[in-house]
């Protein structure tokens, strides 16, 4: 299998999917390395043998974890909110709650500020 390109993954769903595939390939490489050592234990202590797989700590550095997790969380919150709105029984209740929150916030904003 070809070595990893060592380029950071993009902070979108396509980059995350590529990272998932590359992680799977790295795990396959690790299994092959374990099989090679099981077949011939001298392979493990050969000083001239190069690494057959990418170190997990280096792979972790290529992931755009913060940006992707935040975006996915934001989308999940939006999806949950829209799912609640689509339910006919709770639609009126949510609408009233939103109106109540908006009117309270409007009153708070209209009050004079104390310095």
Protein backbone atom coordinates (compact mmCIF):
# COMPACT_ATOMS: atom_id res chain seq x y z
CA UNK A 1 0.00 0.00 0.00
CA UNK A 2 1.27 3.52 -0.76
CA UNK A 3 2.47 5.72 2.10
CA UNK A 4 0.28 8.48 3.48
CA UNK A 5 0.76 11.87 1.78
CA UNK A 6 1.31 13.68 5.12
CA UNK A 7 -0.98 16.55 4.17
CA UNK A 8 -3.58 17.86 6.64
CA UNK A 9 -7.13 16.79 5.85
CA UNK A 10 -9.67 19.42 4.83
CA UNK A 11 -12.14 20.58 7.47
CA UNK A 12 -15.24 19.35 5.66
CA UNK A 13 -17.13 16.09 5.27
CA UNK A 14 -14.97 15.03 2.31
CA UNK A 15 -11.76 15.54 4.24
CA UNK A 16 -13.18 13.61 7.16
CA UNK A 17 -14.18 10.75 4.85
CA UNK A 18 -10.69 10.66 3.33
CA UNK A 19 -9.19 10.60 6.84
CA UNK A 20 -11.46 7.67 7.71
CA UNK A 21 -10.30 5.74 4.64
CA UNK A 22 -6.64 6.55 5.29
CA UNK A 23 -7.02 5.46 8.92
CA UNK A 24 -8.43 2.14 7.72
CA UNK A 25 -5.46 1.70 5.36
CA UNK A 26 -3.02 2.49 8.16
CA UNK A 27 -4.68 -0.16 10.34
CA UNK A 28 -4.33 -2.67 7.51
CA UNK A 29 -0.63 -1.79 7.28
CA UNK A 30 -0.24 -2.36 11.04
CA UNK A 31 -1.88 -5.79 10.75
CA UNK A 32 0.45 -6.68 7.89
CA UNK A 33 3.45 -5.59 9.98
CA UNK A 34 2.28 -7.74 12.90
CA UNK A 35 1.87 -10.70 10.54
CA UNK A 36 5.40 -10.14 9.18
CA UNK A 37 6.86 -10.07 12.69
CA UNK A 38 4.89 -13.18 13.66
CA UNK A 39 6.27 -14.97 10.61
CA UNK A 40 9.88 -13.84 11.18
CA UNK A 41 10.62 -12.23 14.61
CA UNK A 42 14.00 -10.97 13.36
CA UNK A 43 12.11 -8.40 11.28
CA UNK A 44 11.19 -6.54 14.48
CA UNK A 45 14.81 -5.82 15.41
CA UNK A 46 16.14 -5.10 11.91
CA UNK A 47 17.74 -1.60 12.15
CA UNK A 48 17.58 -1.05 8.38
CA UNK A 49 13.84 -1.73 8.09
CA UNK A 50 11.77 1.40 7.59
CA UNK A 51 8.38 1.96 9.18
CA UNK A 52 5.64 0.28 7.23
CA UNK A 53 2.87 2.45 8.66
CA UNK A 54 2.35 6.01 9.86
CA UNK A 55 2.62 6.68 13.58
CA UNK A 56 -0.85 7.22 15.13
CA UNK A 57 0.32 10.42 16.86
CA UNK A 58 1.42 11.88 13.51
CA UNK A 59 -1.82 10.79 11.84
CA UNK A 60 -3.78 12.49 14.64
CA UNK A 61 -1.97 15.77 13.88
CA UNK A 62 -3.32 15.70 10.30
CA UNK A 63 -6.96 15.65 11.44
CA UNK A 64 -9.01 18.90 11.49
CA UNK A 65 -10.76 17.84 14.68
CA UNK A 66 -11.81 21.18 16.16
CA UNK A 67 -13.29 22.71 13.03
CA UNK A 68 -15.13 19.58 11.90
CA UNK A 69 -16.51 18.71 15.33
CA UNK A 70 -17.83 22.24 15.82
CA UNK A 71 -19.48 22.26 12.39
CA UNK A 72 -21.02 18.83 12.89
CA UNK A 73 -22.31 19.84 16.33
CA UNK A 74 -23.82 23.03 14.89
CA UNK A 75 -25.55 21.03 12.13
CA UNK A 76 -26.86 18.46 14.61
CA UNK A 77 -28.37 21.22 16.75
CA UNK A 78 -30.01 22.74 13.68
CA UNK A 79 -31.36 19.35 12.55
CA UNK A 80 -32.82 18.67 16.01
CA UNK A 81 -34.43 22.09 16.06
CA UNK A 82 -35.97 21.59 12.63
CA UNK A 83 -37.18 18.13 13.62
CA UNK A 84 -38.96 19.63 16.60
CA UNK A 85 -40.55 22.28 14.42
CA UNK A 86 -41.81 19.67 11.99
CA UNK A 87 -43.76 17.86 14.69
CA UNK A 88 -47.24 19.31 14.53
CA UNK A 89 -48.07 18.78 18.20
CA UNK A 90 -45.10 20.76 19.49
CA UNK A 91 -45.03 23.37 16.75
CA UNK A 92 -47.43 25.68 18.55
CA UNK A 93 -45.65 25.20 21.87
CA UNK A 94 -42.27 26.05 20.39
CA UNK A 95 -43.71 29.05 18.61
CA UNK A 96 -45.14 30.36 21.89
CA UNK A 97 -41.86 29.73 23.72
CA UNK A 98 -39.94 31.61 21.03
CA UNK A 99 -42.39 34.51 21.16
CA UNK A 100 -42.09 34.63 24.95
CA UNK A 101 -38.28 34.61 24.82
CA UNK A 102 -38.27 37.32 22.17
CA UNK A 103 -40.61 39.56 24.14
CA UNK A 104 -38.54 39.10 27.32
CA UNK A 105 -35.35 39.90 25.44
CA UNK A 106 -36.98 42.95 23.84
CA UNK A 107 -38.01 44.22 27.30
CA UNK A 108 -34.47 43.67 28.60
CA UNK A 109 -33.03 45.63 25.71
CA UNK A 110 -35.48 48.51 26.17
CA UNK A 111 -34.58 49.01 29.84
CA UNK A 112 -32.10 51.80 30.49
CA UNK A 113 -28.64 50.56 31.36
CA UNK A 114 -27.23 51.23 34.79
CA UNK A 115 -23.61 52.31 34.74
